[in-house]
Amino acid sequence: YNWAEFEYSYVSRMCTIITPEQLFNQHLVTVLFSETTATAIKENLITEDQMTAYDPQLMLAIPRLSILRGLLQDNGGILDLSQDVSRIPEYFRPHVPVLLDVKKLLEELSKSNLRTLKVCLASSIDPSDDSDPSVLHCLYLTISGIADQMISNHAKDLRQMLQSTFKMNQPQVITSPELISSSSKRDDLGITSMDCIEPSSSSRAGDQCSDTEPRIRSQLREDAPPWVPDCEVSRCTLCNDNFTLIKRKHHCRYCGKVKLHVRSA
């Protein structure tokens, strides 16, 4: 019984300790959530506007659709029910018997009914009025119930995994190469072509100085003082004191020299 074991026992009594296995399972589920979200956006089950606005509805839709996706995947996924139960993440482990029944029902669904089930899970609409209400209604309630229990029993973990999922699936603003190349060209007056673009009437009030920003940045770069490398200085250039853990280095923005942090002010 060494000190490390004692420290682990002591700390674990005060706060929750995540084991490497639990952390690995969190990563696996996060990947499943992220892949499900990307596919749902492509299939128009959820929208990019919902992702940008962090729509609370997605907190329910993403886990539900992820369970469905995991059961429909080929063998080898994290919801591969043919593997040993101990290898299935703890979030799904208590529901393995029910998931086996759900998987059998999913294999018998037609493509149209499967699409209907996805839409209902994404929008939290009970499919009781559809063409095959008995099966779809049962699947909807079962999958939703398992996902909701996950959210209730593992609220902290689910919040972290969903937060990572939202970050990884935020819509990206892509600038065309033609616009980038044209913005870097300068005319005879030394002004970038982007400076000559007339701002829209709706953005003039908040962006009155946006056209002068590139020129200000360019002027600052031209007037910048020579930057003294940090590794070449061991003493303050003002008082000649040695730098220590408390007496920290600071680059002066006006002269570029290295000084004591308190003196640079």
Protein backbone atom coordinates (compact mmCIF):
# COMPACT_ATOMS: atom_id res chain seq x y z
CA TYR A 1 0.00 0.00 0.00
CA ASN A 2 2.02 2.98 -1.26
CA TRP A 3 1.51 6.71 -1.20
CA ALA A 4 -0.11 6.82 -4.66
CA GLU A 5 -2.84 4.40 -3.58
CA PHE A 6 -3.43 6.39 -0.41
CA GLU A 7 -3.68 9.66 -2.38
CA TYR A 8 -6.06 8.09 -4.91
CA SER A 9 -8.27 6.77 -2.10
CA TYR A 10 -8.22 10.14 -0.35
CA VAL A 11 -9.07 12.21 -3.43
CA SER A 12 -11.73 9.78 -4.66
CA ARG A 13 -13.66 10.33 -1.43
CA MET A 14 -13.86 14.07 -2.13
CA CYS A 15 -14.59 14.07 -5.86
CA THR A 16 -15.37 11.72 -8.71
CA ILE A 17 -12.32 10.13 -10.34
CA ILE A 18 -12.62 9.18 -14.02
CA THR A 19 -10.77 6.00 -14.93
CA PRO A 20 -8.93 5.66 -18.27
CA GLU A 21 -11.63 3.21 -19.42
CA GLN A 22 -14.39 5.70 -18.65
CA LEU A 23 -12.54 8.48 -20.45
CA PHE A 24 -12.04 6.23 -23.48
CA ASN A 25 -15.74 5.37 -23.52
CA GLN A 26 -16.59 9.07 -23.39
CA HIS A 27 -14.44 9.64 -26.46
CA LEU A 28 -16.14 6.77 -28.29
CA VAL A 29 -19.61 8.09 -27.54
CA THR A 30 -18.55 11.63 -28.49
CA VAL A 31 -17.40 10.31 -31.88
CA LEU A 32 -20.74 8.53 -32.32
CA PHE A 33 -22.60 11.73 -31.41
CA SER A 34 -20.51 13.80 -33.82
CA GLU A 35 -20.89 11.37 -36.74
CA THR A 36 -24.63 11.16 -36.09
CA THR A 37 -24.95 14.94 -36.03
CA ALA A 38 -23.03 15.35 -39.31
CA THR A 39 -25.22 12.72 -40.99
CA ALA A 40 -28.42 14.25 -39.57
CA ILE A 41 -27.49 17.64 -41.04
CA LYS A 42 -26.91 16.06 -44.47
CA GLU A 43 -30.26 14.25 -44.26
CA ASN A 44 -32.04 17.46 -43.18
CA LEU A 45 -33.10 15.94 -39.88
CA ILE A 46 -31.55 18.89 -38.06
CA THR A 47 -30.40 22.23 -39.42
CA GLU A 48 -27.22 24.25 -39.17
CA ASP A 49 -29.26 27.07 -37.64
CA GLN A 50 -30.15 24.75 -34.78
CA MET A 51 -26.47 23.95 -34.27
CA THR A 52 -25.49 27.61 -34.31
CA ALA A 53 -28.25 28.55 -31.86
CA TYR A 54 -27.57 25.52 -29.60
CA ASP A 55 -31.20 24.53 -29.86
CA PRO A 56 -32.20 22.70 -26.63
CA GLN A 57 -34.19 20.23 -28.76
CA LEU A 58 -30.86 18.83 -30.00
CA MET A 59 -29.94 17.80 -26.46
CA LEU A 60 -32.60 15.12 -26.85
CA ALA A 61 -32.39 14.53 -30.60
CA ILE A 62 -28.64 13.78 -30.80
CA PRO A 63 -28.56 10.97 -28.19
CA ARG A 64 -31.72 9.41 -29.64
CA LEU A 65 -30.46 9.47 -33.21
CA SER A 66 -27.06 8.20 -32.02
CA ILE A 67 -28.63 5.10 -30.47
CA LEU A 68 -30.45 4.45 -33.72
CA ARG A 69 -27.27 4.92 -35.75
CA GLY A 70 -25.26 2.69 -33.41
CA LEU A 71 -27.77 -0.15 -33.74
CA LEU A 72 -27.84 0.14 -37.53
CA GLN A 73 -24.06 0.04 -37.88
CA ASP A 74 -22.25 -3.11 -38.90
CA ASN A 75 -20.41 -5.21 -36.34
CA GLY A 76 -17.49 -3.47 -34.67
CA GLY A 77 -19.20 -0.30 -33.46
CA ILE A 78 -19.65 0.70 -29.85
CA LEU A 79 -23.24 -0.65 -29.96
CA ASP A 80 -22.21 -3.98 -31.44
CA LEU A 81 -24.41 -6.18 -29.24
CA SER A 82 -22.65 -9.38 -30.34
CA GLN A 83 -19.54 -8.49 -28.36
CA ASP A 84 -19.01 -9.05 -24.66
CA VAL A 85 -21.24 -6.81 -22.53
CA SER A 86 -18.23 -5.50 -20.59
CA ARG A 87 -16.90 -3.89 -23.79
CA ILE A 88 -20.06 -1.84 -24.31
CA PRO A 89 -19.89 1.64 -22.75
CA GLU A 90 -21.52 1.90 -19.36
CA TYR A 91 -24.11 4.34 -20.69
CA PHE A 92 -25.74 1.57 -22.76
CA ARG A 93 -24.80 -1.48 -20.69
CA PRO A 94 -27.97 -1.64 -18.52
CA HIS A 95 -30.15 -1.54 -21.64
CA VAL A 96 -28.53 -4.34 -23.66
CA PRO A 97 -31.53 -6.76 -23.46
CA VAL A 98 -33.91 -4.05 -24.66
CA LEU A 99 -31.48 -2.90 -27.36
CA LEU A 100 -31.35 -6.45 -28.73
CA ASP A 101 -35.12 -6.40 -29.24
CA VAL A 102 -34.94 -2.93 -30.79
CA LYS A 103 -32.26 -4.07 -33.23
CA LYS A 104 -34.44 -6.97 -34.42
CA LEU A 105 -37.36 -4.62 -35.05
CA LEU A 106 -35.14 -2.17 -36.92
CA GLU A 107 -33.97 -4.89 -39.28
CA GLU A 108 -37.59 -5.48 -40.34
CA LEU A 109 -38.42 -1.82 -41.00
CA SER A 110 -38.82 -0.50 -44.52
CA LYS A 111 -36.76 2.49 -45.67
CA SER A 112 -39.76 4.79 -45.54
CA ASN A 113 -40.64 3.76 -41.98
CA LEU A 114 -36.99 4.11 -40.95
CA ARG A 115 -36.96 7.63 -42.34
CA THR A 116 -40.16 8.40 -40.46
CA LEU A 117 -38.62 7.11 -37.24
CA LYS A 118 -35.54 9.32 -37.70
CA VAL A 119 -37.69 12.39 -38.29
CA CYS A 120 -39.78 11.65 -35.19
CA LEU A 121 -36.71 11.09 -32.99
CA ALA A 122 -35.15 14.34 -34.23
CA SER A 123 -38.31 16.39 -33.65
CA SER A 124 -39.75 14.55 -30.59
CA ILE A 125 -42.98 13.79 -32.44
CA ASP A 126 -44.73 10.53 -31.57
CA PRO A 127 -45.33 8.56 -34.82
CA SER A 128 -48.59 7.05 -33.57
CA ASP A 129 -50.51 8.36 -36.60
CA ASP A 130 -48.24 6.84 -39.25
CA SER A 131 -48.78 3.85 -41.50
CA ASP A 132 -47.43 1.29 -39.04
CA PRO A 133 -48.13 2.89 -35.65
CA SER A 134 -47.62 -0.16 -33.48
CA VAL A 135 -43.98 -0.81 -34.44
CA LEU A 136 -42.92 2.81 -34.94
CA HIS A 137 -44.60 3.92 -31.73
CA CYS A 138 -42.88 1.14 -29.78
CA LEU A 139 -39.47 1.92 -31.28
CA TYR A 140 -39.88 5.63 -30.70
CA LEU A 141 -40.81 5.22 -27.04
CA THR A 142 -38.08 2.65 -26.36
CA ILE A 143 -35.22 4.56 -27.99
CA SER A 144 -36.36 7.85 -26.48
CA GLY A 145 -36.65 6.24 -23.05
CA ILE A 146 -33.10 4.83 -23.18
CA ALA A 147 -31.68 8.16 -24.34
CA ASP A 148 -33.57 10.09 -21.67
CA GLN A 149 -32.30 7.73 -18.97
CA MET A 150 -28.75 8.31 -20.21
CA ILE A 151 -29.27 12.06 -19.90
CA SER A 152 -30.67 11.70 -16.38
CA ASN A 153 -28.18 9.15 -15.03
CA HIS A 154 -25.05 10.59 -16.66
CA ALA A 155 -25.93 14.27 -16.88
CA LYS A 156 -22.38 15.59 -16.42
CA ASP A 157 -20.81 13.23 -18.96
CA LEU A 158 -23.58 13.81 -21.51
CA ARG A 159 -23.21 17.57 -21.15
CA GLN A 160 -19.47 17.37 -21.87
CA MET A 161 -19.96 15.03 -24.84
CA LEU A 162 -22.70 17.18 -26.33
CA GLN A 163 -20.59 20.29 -25.86
CA SER A 164 -17.76 18.67 -27.85
CA THR A 165 -20.26 17.55 -30.48
CA PHE A 166 -21.57 21.07 -30.95
CA LYS A 167 -18.04 22.46 -31.28
CA MET A 168 -17.04 19.88 -33.89
CA ASN A 169 -20.17 20.40 -36.01
CA GLN A 170 -20.49 24.16 -36.08
CA PRO A 171 -20.94 25.47 -39.66
CA GLN A 172 -17.68 26.77 -41.12
CA VAL A 173 -17.48 30.08 -42.98
CA ILE A 174 -15.49 29.38 -46.16
CA THR A 175 -13.99 32.27 -48.08
CA SER A 176 -13.52 31.74 -51.81
CA PRO A 177 -9.90 31.64 -53.07
CA GLU A 178 -10.71 34.37 -55.60
CA LEU A 179 -11.80 36.72 -52.82
CA ILE A 180 -8.67 35.99 -50.78
CA SER A 181 -6.35 36.58 -53.73
CA SER A 182 -8.12 39.79 -54.75
CA SER A 183 -8.00 41.17 -51.22
CA SER A 184 -4.21 40.81 -51.15
CA LYS A 185 -3.70 42.85 -54.35
CA ARG A 186 -2.93 46.53 -53.96
CA ASP A 187 -3.67 49.35 -56.35
CA ASP A 188 -1.42 52.29 -57.19
CA LEU A 189 -2.44 54.14 -54.03
CA GLY A 190 -1.34 51.28 -51.77
CA ILE A 191 -4.87 50.50 -50.63
CA THR A 192 -6.17 46.94 -50.71
CA SER A 193 -9.07 46.24 -53.00
CA MET A 194 -11.13 45.16 -49.98
CA ASP A 195 -10.90 48.75 -48.67
CA CYS A 196 -12.80 49.97 -51.72
CA ILE A 197 -15.84 47.77 -51.16
CA GLU A 198 -18.81 49.86 -50.18
CA PRO A 199 -20.36 48.53 -46.95
CA SER A 200 -24.05 47.75 -46.96
CA SER A 201 -26.40 50.23 -45.37
CA SER A 202 -27.30 47.75 -42.64
CA SER A 203 -23.69 47.38 -41.45
CA ARG A 204 -22.46 50.99 -41.74
CA ALA A 205 -23.54 51.94 -38.24
CA GLY A 206 -21.50 49.21 -36.55
CA ASP A 207 -18.58 49.07 -39.01
CA GLN A 208 -17.74 52.70 -39.77
CA CYS A 209 -14.03 52.11 -39.24
CA SER A 210 -13.76 48.66 -40.82
CA ASP A 211 -12.37 50.09 -44.09
CA THR A 212 -9.42 51.74 -42.31
CA GLU A 213 -8.45 48.71 -40.23
CA PRO A 214 -6.21 47.03 -42.89
CA ARG A 215 -4.28 50.29 -43.41
CA ILE A 216 -3.81 50.77 -39.66
CA ARG A 217 -2.53 47.22 -39.28
CA SER A 218 -0.12 47.73 -42.20
CA GLN A 219 1.18 50.97 -40.70
CA LEU A 220 1.70 49.31 -37.32
CA ARG A 221 3.72 46.51 -38.93
CA GLU A 222 5.95 49.05 -40.71
CA ASP A 223 6.58 51.12 -37.56
CA ALA A 224 7.12 48.13 -35.26
CA PRO A 225 10.44 48.27 -33.31
CA PRO A 226 13.04 45.49 -33.62
CA TRP A 227 12.00 42.56 -31.40
CA VAL A 228 14.74 41.35 -29.04
CA PRO A 229 14.68 37.52 -28.77
CA ASP A 230 13.67 36.30 -25.34
CA CYS A 231 16.50 33.76 -25.13
CA GLU A 232 19.21 36.42 -25.57
CA VAL A 233 18.32 38.39 -22.43
CA SER A 234 18.91 37.33 -18.83
CA ARG A 235 18.75 40.75 -17.12
CA CYS A 236 16.38 43.69 -17.20
CA THR A 237 17.55 46.32 -19.71
CA LEU A 238 16.50 49.11 -17.32
CA CYS A 239 17.72 48.06 -13.87
CA ASN A 240 20.03 45.14 -14.76
CA ASP A 241 18.27 42.85 -12.26
CA ASN A 242 18.23 39.10 -12.93
CA PHE A 243 14.96 37.54 -14.05
CA THR A 244 13.46 34.98 -11.66
CA LEU A 245 10.24 33.06 -11.22
CA ILE A 246 8.75 36.13 -9.52
CA LYS A 247 10.57 38.78 -11.53
CA ARG A 248 9.18 37.84 -14.92
CA LYS A 249 10.23 38.90 -18.40
CA HIS A 250 8.10 41.24 -20.45
CA HIS A 251 8.58 42.52 -24.00
CA CYS A 252 7.98 46.25 -24.27
CA ARG A 253 5.56 46.97 -27.11
CA TYR A 254 7.20 50.35 -27.75
CA CYS A 255 10.91 49.56 -27.91
CA GLY A 256 10.91 45.77 -28.33
CA LYS A 257 13.34 45.24 -25.44
CA VAL A 258 12.96 42.77 -22.57
CA LYS A 259 12.28 44.32 -19.16
CA LEU A 260 10.93 43.36 -15.78
CA HIS A 261 7.17 43.00 -15.90
CA VAL A 262 6.65 45.63 -13.15
CA ARG A 263 8.90 48.15 -14.91
CA SER A 264 7.37 47.67 -18.34
CA ALA A 265 4.15 49.23 -17.03
